Amino acid sequence: MKTLNTFWASALLCVVMTSGVQAQESRIAFINSQRITSESGPAKAATAKLEAEFSKRQKELTDLQGSLKTFSEKFERDAPTMTESQRVAKQKEFVEQNRDFQRKKREFDEDLNGRRNEELQQVYEKATKAIKQLSETEKYDLVVQEAVYFNPKIDITDKVIKILNAGAK
């Protein structure tokens, strides 16, 4: 599906380029969105914010996982000396604790992913404004986000990151 979308985007780009050649020279730029979401100031601030917000819960999950491992090791070591009823009780206890851990981990992952998406959406909105601003000032006719190939001289990612970093200060 992505290949098909890339094909149609390339075909559209060819049409735009061909029609633009007849009227005037078109200016095209490329933007690397992955670099923006990892290298820009707002993206780094969002990452730090998420780490601060979720670090306590992450530590609790790590501690719970460690206690489950310790419980399991102790059970394996002590199982031969336990009675059948003690072994069954310990197994039930382990299953309950493991189920609780899995539930908490699933909730943590859902919450983290939801918050990450919210923060990334804000970064994308800021980046879109920066791209529009740069496109207007440098008179770009088209800014492409994904491409099979692009000439590095049309890459404006560094300029967009510079604008975003200036706005983040």
N, C-alpha and C. Protein backbone atom coordinates (compact mmCIF):
# COMPACT_ATOMS: atom_id res chain seq x y z
N MET A 1 0.83 -1.19 0.00
CA MET A 1 0.00 0.00 0.00
C MET A 1 0.87 1.25 0.00
N LYS A 2 1.95 1.22 0.81
CA LYS A 2 2.83 2.37 0.88
C LYS A 2 3.52 2.59 -0.46
N THR A 3 3.89 1.49 -1.15
CA THR A 3 4.52 1.61 -2.45
C THR A 3 3.57 2.24 -3.44
N LEU A 4 2.30 1.86 -3.36
CA LEU A 4 1.29 2.44 -4.24
C LEU A 4 1.12 3.92 -3.96
N ASN A 5 1.08 4.31 -2.69
CA ASN A 5 0.97 5.73 -2.33
C ASN A 5 2.19 6.50 -2.80
N THR A 6 3.38 5.90 -2.66
CA THR A 6 4.60 6.55 -3.13
C THR A 6 4.55 6.72 -4.63
N PHE A 7 4.04 5.71 -5.35
CA PHE A 7 3.91 5.80 -6.79
C PHE A 7 3.02 6.98 -7.18
N TRP A 8 1.86 7.09 -6.54
CA TRP A 8 0.93 8.17 -6.88
C TRP A 8 1.49 9.53 -6.49
N ALA A 9 2.21 9.59 -5.36
CA ALA A 9 2.84 10.85 -4.97
C ALA A 9 3.89 11.25 -6.00
N SER A 10 4.65 10.26 -6.49
CA SER A 10 5.67 10.54 -7.50
C SER A 10 5.02 10.99 -8.80
N ALA A 11 3.93 10.34 -9.18
CA ALA A 11 3.22 10.72 -10.39
C ALA A 11 2.67 12.14 -10.28
N LEU A 12 2.11 12.47 -9.12
CA LEU A 12 1.59 13.82 -8.89
C LEU A 12 2.72 14.83 -8.96
N LEU A 13 3.85 14.48 -8.37
CA LEU A 13 5.00 15.37 -8.39
C LEU A 13 5.47 15.62 -9.82
N CYS A 14 5.46 14.58 -10.65
CA CYS A 14 5.85 14.73 -12.06
C CYS A 14 4.89 15.67 -12.78
N VAL A 15 3.59 15.53 -12.52
CA VAL A 15 2.60 16.40 -13.13
C VAL A 15 2.83 17.84 -12.69
N VAL A 16 3.04 18.05 -11.39
CA VAL A 16 3.28 19.39 -10.88
C VAL A 16 4.54 19.98 -11.50
N MET A 17 5.58 19.17 -11.57
CA MET A 17 6.85 19.64 -12.14
C MET A 17 6.70 19.98 -13.61
N THR A 18 6.00 19.13 -14.36
CA THR A 18 5.83 19.36 -15.78
C THR A 18 5.02 20.63 -16.03
N SER A 19 3.93 20.80 -15.28
CA SER A 19 3.12 21.99 -15.46
C SER A 19 3.86 23.23 -14.99
N GLY A 20 4.69 23.08 -13.97
CA GLY A 20 5.45 24.22 -13.45
C GLY A 20 6.55 24.65 -14.40
N VAL A 21 7.11 23.71 -15.15
CA VAL A 21 8.17 24.05 -16.09
C VAL A 21 7.64 24.95 -17.19
N GLN A 22 6.40 24.71 -17.58
CA GLN A 22 5.82 25.53 -18.64
C GLN A 22 5.61 26.97 -18.17
N ALA A 23 5.17 27.16 -16.95
CA ALA A 23 4.86 28.50 -16.47
C ALA A 23 6.09 29.16 -15.85
N GLN A 24 6.72 28.47 -14.93
CA GLN A 24 7.88 29.03 -14.23
C GLN A 24 8.63 27.91 -13.54
N GLU A 25 9.75 28.21 -12.99
CA GLU A 25 10.55 27.23 -12.26
C GLU A 25 9.90 26.99 -10.90
N SER A 26 9.64 25.73 -10.57
CA SER A 26 9.04 25.37 -9.28
C SER A 26 10.14 25.14 -8.26
N ARG A 27 9.86 25.50 -7.03
CA ARG A 27 10.81 25.26 -5.94
C ARG A 27 10.24 24.17 -5.06
N ILE A 28 11.04 23.12 -4.87
CA ILE A 28 10.62 21.98 -4.09
C ILE A 28 11.61 21.78 -2.95
N ALA A 29 11.09 21.35 -1.81
CA ALA A 29 11.93 21.08 -0.65
C ALA A 29 11.53 19.74 -0.06
N PHE A 30 12.45 19.17 0.70
CA PHE A 30 12.21 17.90 1.38
C PHE A 30 12.36 18.12 2.88
N ILE A 31 11.51 17.43 3.66
CA ILE A 31 11.58 17.50 5.11
C ILE A 31 11.63 16.09 5.69
N ASN A 32 12.53 15.86 6.63
CA ASN A 32 12.67 14.56 7.28
C ASN A 32 11.96 14.65 8.63
N SER A 33 10.74 14.15 8.69
CA SER A 33 9.92 14.27 9.90
C SER A 33 10.50 13.47 11.07
N GLN A 34 11.19 12.39 10.78
CA GLN A 34 11.78 11.58 11.85
C GLN A 34 12.86 12.38 12.57
N ARG A 35 13.66 13.10 11.83
CA ARG A 35 14.69 13.94 12.46
C ARG A 35 14.05 15.04 13.29
N ILE A 36 12.96 15.59 12.81
CA ILE A 36 12.29 16.65 13.56
C ILE A 36 11.77 16.12 14.89
N THR A 37 11.21 14.91 14.88
CA THR A 37 10.65 14.35 16.11
C THR A 37 11.70 13.77 17.05
N SER A 38 12.96 13.76 16.62
CA SER A 38 14.00 13.27 17.51
C SER A 38 15.05 14.32 17.85
N GLU A 39 15.28 15.29 16.98
CA GLU A 39 16.36 16.25 17.17
C GLU A 39 15.92 17.65 17.58
N SER A 40 14.68 18.00 17.35
CA SER A 40 14.25 19.37 17.64
C SER A 40 14.07 19.61 19.14
N GLY A 41 14.16 20.87 19.52
CA GLY A 41 13.97 21.24 20.92
C GLY A 41 12.62 20.83 21.48
N PRO A 42 11.52 21.13 20.77
CA PRO A 42 10.21 20.71 21.29
C PRO A 42 10.08 19.19 21.45
N ALA A 43 10.69 18.43 20.55
CA ALA A 43 10.63 16.96 20.66
C ALA A 43 11.42 16.48 21.87
N LYS A 44 12.59 17.07 22.08
CA LYS A 44 13.40 16.70 23.24
C LYS A 44 12.71 17.10 24.54
N ALA A 45 12.06 18.26 24.54
CA ALA A 45 11.31 18.70 25.72
C ALA A 45 10.15 17.76 26.00
N ALA A 46 9.46 17.32 24.95
CA ALA A 46 8.34 16.39 25.11
C ALA A 46 8.83 15.05 25.67
N THR A 47 9.98 14.60 25.18
CA THR A 47 10.55 13.34 25.67
C THR A 47 10.90 13.44 27.15
N ALA A 48 11.53 14.55 27.52
CA ALA A 48 11.89 14.77 28.93
C ALA A 48 10.64 14.85 29.81
N LYS A 49 9.61 15.51 29.30
CA LYS A 49 8.36 15.63 30.04
C LYS A 49 7.73 14.26 30.27
N LEU A 50 7.72 13.43 29.23
CA LEU A 50 7.16 12.08 29.35
C LEU A 50 7.97 11.22 30.31
N GLU A 51 9.29 11.34 30.24
CA GLU A 51 10.13 10.57 31.16
C GLU A 51 9.86 10.96 32.61
N ALA A 52 9.74 12.26 32.85
CA ALA A 52 9.46 12.72 34.21
C ALA A 52 8.08 12.25 34.67
N GLU A 53 7.12 12.31 33.78
CA GLU A 53 5.75 11.95 34.11
C GLU A 53 5.58 10.45 34.37
N PHE A 54 6.33 9.63 33.65
CA PHE A 54 6.12 8.18 33.73
C PHE A 54 7.24 7.43 34.44
N SER A 55 8.26 8.12 34.91
CA SER A 55 9.40 7.42 35.52
C SER A 55 9.01 6.68 36.80
N LYS A 56 8.14 7.29 37.60
CA LYS A 56 7.73 6.64 38.86
C LYS A 56 6.99 5.32 38.57
N ARG A 57 6.06 5.36 37.63
CA ARG A 57 5.32 4.14 37.29
C ARG A 57 6.24 3.11 36.65
N GLN A 58 7.20 3.57 35.85
CA GLN A 58 8.15 2.64 35.23
C GLN A 58 8.98 1.95 36.30
N LYS A 59 9.40 2.70 37.31
CA LYS A 59 10.19 2.11 38.40
C LYS A 59 9.34 1.11 39.17
N GLU A 60 8.08 1.43 39.42
CA GLU A 60 7.19 0.50 40.13
C GLU A 60 7.05 -0.81 39.34
N LEU A 61 6.90 -0.70 38.03
CA LEU A 61 6.79 -1.90 37.20
C LEU A 61 8.08 -2.71 37.22
N THR A 62 9.20 -2.03 37.17
CA THR A 62 10.49 -2.72 37.22
C THR A 62 10.66 -3.44 38.55
N ASP A 63 10.28 -2.76 39.63
CA ASP A 63 10.35 -3.39 40.96
C ASP A 63 9.42 -4.59 41.06
N LEU A 64 8.21 -4.45 40.54
CA LEU A 64 7.24 -5.54 40.57
C LEU A 64 7.75 -6.73 39.75
N GLN A 65 8.35 -6.45 38.62
CA GLN A 65 8.91 -7.51 37.79
C GLN A 65 10.05 -8.21 38.53
N GLY A 66 10.88 -7.44 39.21
CA GLY A 66 11.96 -8.03 39.99
C GLY A 66 11.44 -8.92 41.11
N SER A 67 10.38 -8.47 41.78
CA SER A 67 9.82 -9.28 42.87
C SER A 67 9.18 -10.56 42.33
N LEU A 68 8.59 -10.48 41.14
CA LEU A 68 8.04 -11.68 40.51
C LEU A 68 9.16 -12.67 40.18
N LYS A 69 10.27 -12.17 39.70
CA LYS A 69 11.40 -13.04 39.38
C LYS A 69 11.94 -13.69 40.66
N THR A 70 12.06 -12.90 41.71
CA THR A 70 12.54 -13.43 42.99
C THR A 70 11.58 -14.48 43.53
N PHE A 71 10.27 -14.20 43.45
CA PHE A 71 9.25 -15.14 43.89
C PHE A 71 9.38 -16.45 43.12
N SER A 72 9.54 -16.34 41.80
CA SER A 72 9.64 -17.53 40.96
C SER A 72 10.88 -18.34 41.29
N GLU A 73 12.02 -17.66 41.48
CA GLU A 73 13.26 -18.37 41.83
C GLU A 73 13.13 -19.07 43.19
N LYS A 74 12.52 -18.37 44.15
CA LYS A 74 12.34 -18.96 45.49
C LYS A 74 11.41 -20.17 45.40
N PHE A 75 10.35 -20.05 44.60
CA PHE A 75 9.42 -21.17 44.43
C PHE A 75 10.13 -22.38 43.83
N GLU A 76 10.93 -22.14 42.78
CA GLU A 76 11.66 -23.24 42.13
C GLU A 76 12.61 -23.92 43.12
N ARG A 77 13.22 -23.12 43.96
CA ARG A 77 14.17 -23.66 44.93
C ARG A 77 13.46 -24.43 46.05
N ASP A 78 12.31 -23.90 46.51
CA ASP A 78 11.61 -24.49 47.66
C ASP A 78 10.56 -25.53 47.28
N ALA A 79 10.19 -25.61 46.02
CA ALA A 79 9.10 -26.50 45.59
C ALA A 79 9.31 -27.96 46.00
N PRO A 80 10.51 -28.51 45.89
CA PRO A 80 10.67 -29.93 46.26
C PRO A 80 10.37 -30.22 47.74
N THR A 81 10.52 -29.24 48.60
CA THR A 81 10.28 -29.48 50.03
C THR A 81 8.86 -29.11 50.47
N MET A 82 8.07 -28.56 49.56
CA MET A 82 6.70 -28.14 49.90
C MET A 82 5.73 -29.30 49.76
N THR A 83 4.63 -29.18 50.51
CA THR A 83 3.54 -30.14 50.32
C THR A 83 2.78 -29.74 49.07
N GLU A 84 1.96 -30.63 48.59
CA GLU A 84 1.18 -30.36 47.38
C GLU A 84 0.28 -29.13 47.56
N SER A 85 -0.37 -29.00 48.69
CA SER A 85 -1.26 -27.85 48.93
C SER A 85 -0.46 -26.55 49.00
N GLN A 86 0.73 -26.57 49.61
CA GLN A 86 1.56 -25.37 49.66
C GLN A 86 2.01 -24.97 48.24
N ARG A 87 2.38 -25.97 47.45
CA ARG A 87 2.84 -25.71 46.08
C ARG A 87 1.71 -25.09 45.25
N VAL A 88 0.51 -25.65 45.37
CA VAL A 88 -0.64 -25.12 44.63
C VAL A 88 -0.96 -23.69 45.08
N ALA A 89 -0.89 -23.44 46.37
CA ALA A 89 -1.16 -22.11 46.90
C ALA A 89 -0.14 -21.10 46.37
N LYS A 90 1.12 -21.48 46.37
CA LYS A 90 2.18 -20.58 45.88
C LYS A 90 2.02 -20.33 44.38
N GLN A 91 1.64 -21.37 43.64
CA GLN A 91 1.43 -21.20 42.20
C GLN A 91 0.28 -20.23 41.94
N LYS A 92 -0.81 -20.36 42.71
CA LYS A 92 -1.94 -19.44 42.58
C LYS A 92 -1.51 -18.02 42.90
N GLU A 93 -0.73 -17.89 43.96
CA GLU A 93 -0.26 -16.57 44.36
C GLU A 93 0.60 -15.95 43.24
N PHE A 94 1.47 -16.76 42.65
CA PHE A 94 2.31 -16.27 41.55
C PHE A 94 1.47 -15.85 40.35
N VAL A 95 0.49 -16.69 40.01
CA VAL A 95 -0.38 -16.38 38.87
C VAL A 95 -1.12 -15.06 39.11
N GLU A 96 -1.62 -14.84 40.32
CA GLU A 96 -2.32 -13.59 40.64
C GLU A 96 -1.39 -12.38 40.54
N GLN A 97 -0.20 -12.53 41.10
CA GLN A 97 0.77 -11.43 41.04
C GLN A 97 1.19 -11.14 39.59
N ASN A 98 1.39 -12.20 38.83
CA ASN A 98 1.77 -12.02 37.43
C ASN A 98 0.64 -11.36 36.64
N ARG A 99 -0.59 -11.76 36.89
CA ARG A 99 -1.75 -11.15 36.22
C ARG A 99 -1.84 -9.66 36.57
N ASP A 100 -1.62 -9.34 37.85
CA ASP A 100 -1.63 -7.94 38.28
C ASP A 100 -0.52 -7.16 37.58
N PHE A 101 0.66 -7.76 37.48
CA PHE A 101 1.77 -7.11 36.79
C PHE A 101 1.43 -6.87 35.32
N GLN A 102 0.89 -7.88 34.65
CA GLN A 102 0.55 -7.74 33.23
C GLN A 102 -0.50 -6.66 33.02
N ARG A 103 -1.49 -6.57 33.91
CA ARG A 103 -2.52 -5.54 33.81
C ARG A 103 -1.90 -4.15 33.97
N LYS A 104 -1.06 -4.00 34.98
CA LYS A 104 -0.41 -2.70 35.22
C LYS A 104 0.50 -2.31 34.06
N LYS A 105 1.20 -3.29 33.51
CA LYS A 105 2.08 -3.00 32.38
C LYS A 105 1.27 -2.58 31.16
N ARG A 106 0.17 -3.26 30.91
CA ARG A 106 -0.70 -2.92 29.78
C ARG A 106 -1.26 -1.51 29.95
N GLU A 107 -1.72 -1.19 31.16
CA GLU A 107 -2.24 0.16 31.43
C GLU A 107 -1.15 1.21 31.26
N PHE A 108 0.04 0.89 31.75
CA PHE A 108 1.18 1.81 31.61
C PHE A 108 1.47 2.06 30.13
N ASP A 109 1.56 0.99 29.36
CA ASP A 109 1.86 1.12 27.93
C ASP A 109 0.79 1.94 27.20
N GLU A 110 -0.48 1.70 27.53
CA GLU A 110 -1.57 2.46 26.90
C GLU A 110 -1.49 3.93 27.28
N ASP A 111 -1.26 4.21 28.56
CA ASP A 111 -1.15 5.60 29.01
C ASP A 111 0.04 6.30 28.37
N LEU A 112 1.17 5.61 28.35
CA LEU A 112 2.38 6.19 27.77
C LEU A 112 2.20 6.46 26.28
N ASN A 113 1.64 5.50 25.56
CA ASN A 113 1.42 5.69 24.12
C ASN A 113 0.44 6.83 23.85
N GLY A 114 -0.60 6.93 24.64
CA GLY A 114 -1.56 8.02 24.48
C GLY A 114 -0.91 9.38 24.72
N ARG A 115 -0.15 9.49 25.79
CA ARG A 115 0.54 10.75 26.10
C ARG A 115 1.61 11.07 25.05
N ARG A 116 2.33 10.03 24.60
CA ARG A 116 3.36 10.25 23.57
C ARG A 116 2.71 10.79 22.30
N ASN A 117 1.57 10.22 21.93
CA ASN A 117 0.86 10.71 20.74
C ASN A 117 0.41 12.15 20.91
N GLU A 118 -0.06 12.51 22.11
CA GLU A 118 -0.46 13.90 22.37
C GLU A 118 0.73 14.84 22.23
N GLU A 119 1.85 14.46 22.82
CA GLU A 119 3.05 15.30 22.76
C GLU A 119 3.58 15.40 21.32
N LEU A 120 3.59 14.28 20.60
CA LEU A 120 4.06 14.30 19.22
C LEU A 120 3.15 15.14 18.34
N GLN A 121 1.87 15.11 18.62
CA GLN A 121 0.93 15.93 17.85
C GLN A 121 1.26 17.41 18.01
N GLN A 122 1.62 17.82 19.21
CA GLN A 122 2.01 19.21 19.44
C GLN A 122 3.30 19.54 18.69
N VAL A 123 4.24 18.61 18.67
CA VAL A 123 5.49 18.82 17.92
C VAL A 123 5.17 18.94 16.43
N TYR A 124 4.30 18.07 15.91
CA TYR A 124 3.92 18.12 14.50
C TYR A 124 3.24 19.45 14.15
N GLU A 125 2.39 19.94 15.05
CA GLU A 125 1.72 21.22 14.79
C GLU A 125 2.73 22.36 14.73
N LYS A 126 3.68 22.36 15.64
CA LYS A 126 4.73 23.39 15.63
C LYS A 126 5.58 23.27 14.37
N ALA A 127 5.90 22.04 14.01
CA ALA A 127 6.72 21.82 12.81
C ALA A 127 5.98 22.27 11.56
N THR A 128 4.68 21.99 11.50
CA THR A 128 3.89 22.41 10.34
C THR A 128 3.90 23.93 10.21
N LYS A 129 3.75 24.64 11.33
CA LYS A 129 3.82 26.10 11.30
C LYS A 129 5.19 26.57 10.83
N ALA A 130 6.25 25.92 11.33
CA ALA A 130 7.61 26.30 10.93
C ALA A 130 7.83 26.04 9.44
N ILE A 131 7.32 24.93 8.94
CA ILE A 131 7.46 24.59 7.52
C ILE A 131 6.71 25.61 6.66
N LYS A 132 5.50 25.96 7.08
CA LYS A 132 4.73 26.97 6.33
C LYS A 132 5.45 28.31 6.33
N GLN A 133 5.97 28.70 7.48
CA GLN A 133 6.69 29.96 7.60
C GLN A 133 7.91 29.96 6.66
N LEU A 134 8.67 28.89 6.70
CA LEU A 134 9.86 28.78 5.86
C LEU A 134 9.48 28.73 4.38
N SER A 135 8.40 28.03 4.06
CA SER A 135 7.94 27.93 2.67
C SER A 135 7.53 29.29 2.12
N GLU A 136 6.89 30.08 2.96
CA GLU A 136 6.47 31.41 2.52
C GLU A 136 7.66 32.34 2.34
N THR A 137 8.59 32.32 3.30
CA THR A 137 9.73 33.24 3.20
C THR A 137 10.70 32.84 2.10
N GLU A 138 10.87 31.54 1.86
CA GLU A 138 11.82 31.10 0.83
C GLU A 138 11.11 30.71 -0.47
N LYS A 139 9.82 30.93 -0.54
CA LYS A 139 9.02 30.76 -1.76
C LYS A 139 9.07 29.34 -2.33
N TYR A 140 8.81 28.34 -1.47
CA TYR A 140 8.72 26.96 -1.94
C TYR A 140 7.31 26.70 -2.44
N ASP A 141 7.23 25.98 -3.55
CA ASP A 141 5.93 25.62 -4.12
C ASP A 141 5.41 24.30 -3.55
N LEU A 142 6.34 23.45 -3.13
CA LEU A 142 5.97 22.12 -2.65
C LEU A 142 7.01 21.66 -1.63
N VAL A 143 6.53 21.13 -0.50
CA VAL A 143 7.41 20.53 0.49
C VAL A 143 6.98 19.08 0.64
N VAL A 144 7.91 18.17 0.39
CA VAL A 144 7.64 16.73 0.40
C VAL A 144 8.17 16.15 1.71
N GLN A 145 7.37 15.29 2.31
CA GLN A 145 7.75 14.68 3.58
C GLN A 145 8.39 13.30 3.39
N GLU A 146 7.91 12.51 2.47
CA GLU A 146 8.47 11.19 2.20
C GLU A 146 8.85 11.13 0.73
N ALA A 147 10.00 10.53 0.48
CA ALA A 147 10.45 10.42 -0.90
C ALA A 147 11.32 9.18 -1.04
N VAL A 148 11.28 8.59 -2.21
CA VAL A 148 12.14 7.46 -2.51
C VAL A 148 13.58 7.98 -2.63
N TYR A 149 13.73 9.11 -3.26
CA TYR A 149 15.03 9.75 -3.42
C TYR A 149 14.84 11.26 -3.35
N PHE A 150 15.80 11.93 -2.77
CA PHE A 150 15.83 13.39 -2.79
C PHE A 150 17.27 13.84 -2.80
N ASN A 151 17.51 14.94 -3.44
CA ASN A 151 18.83 15.54 -3.48
C ASN A 151 19.03 16.28 -2.16
N PRO A 152 20.12 16.03 -1.45
CA PRO A 152 20.34 16.68 -0.15
C PRO A 152 20.28 18.21 -0.19
N LYS A 153 20.51 18.81 -1.36
CA LYS A 153 20.48 20.28 -1.42
C LYS A 153 19.05 20.84 -1.28
N ILE A 154 18.02 20.00 -1.42
CA ILE A 154 16.65 20.49 -1.21
C ILE A 154 16.11 20.14 0.17
N ASP A 155 16.96 19.53 1.02
CA ASP A 155 16.55 19.14 2.37
C ASP A 155 16.55 20.39 3.27
N ILE A 156 15.39 20.75 3.78
CA ILE A 156 15.27 21.94 4.65
C ILE A 156 15.05 21.55 6.11
N THR A 157 15.31 20.30 6.44
CA THR A 157 15.07 19.81 7.80
C THR A 157 15.86 20.61 8.82
N ASP A 158 17.13 20.88 8.54
CA ASP A 158 17.95 21.65 9.49
C ASP A 158 17.37 23.05 9.73
N LYS A 159 16.87 23.67 8.69
CA LYS A 159 16.27 25.01 8.83
C LYS A 159 15.02 24.95 9.71
N VAL A 160 14.20 23.93 9.51
CA VAL A 160 12.98 23.78 10.30
C VAL A 160 13.33 23.52 11.77
N ILE A 161 14.32 22.66 12.00
CA ILE A 161 14.75 22.37 13.38
C ILE A 161 15.27 23.65 14.03
N LYS A 162 15.99 24.45 13.28
CA LYS A 162 16.51 25.72 13.80
C LYS A 162 15.37 26.65 14.21
N ILE A 163 14.33 26.73 13.39
CA ILE A 163 13.15 27.55 13.72
C ILE A 163 12.45 27.01 14.97
N LEU A 164 12.29 25.69 15.02
CA LEU A 164 11.63 25.08 16.18
C LEU A 164 12.43 25.31 17.46
N ASN A 165 13.74 25.18 17.36
CA ASN A 165 14.59 25.40 18.54
C ASN A 165 14.55 26.85 19.00
N ALA A 166 14.48 27.77 18.06
CA ALA A 166 14.39 29.19 18.41
C ALA A 166 13.06 29.49 19.09
N GLY A 167 12.01 28.85 18.63
CA GLY A 167 10.68 29.04 19.23
C GLY A 167 10.54 28.38 20.58
N ALA A 168 11.35 27.35 20.83
CA ALA A 168 11.26 26.61 22.11
C ALA A 168 11.95 27.35 23.24
N LYS A 169 12.81 28.31 22.89
CA LYS A 169 13.57 29.02 23.94
C LYS A 169 12.80 30.15 24.54
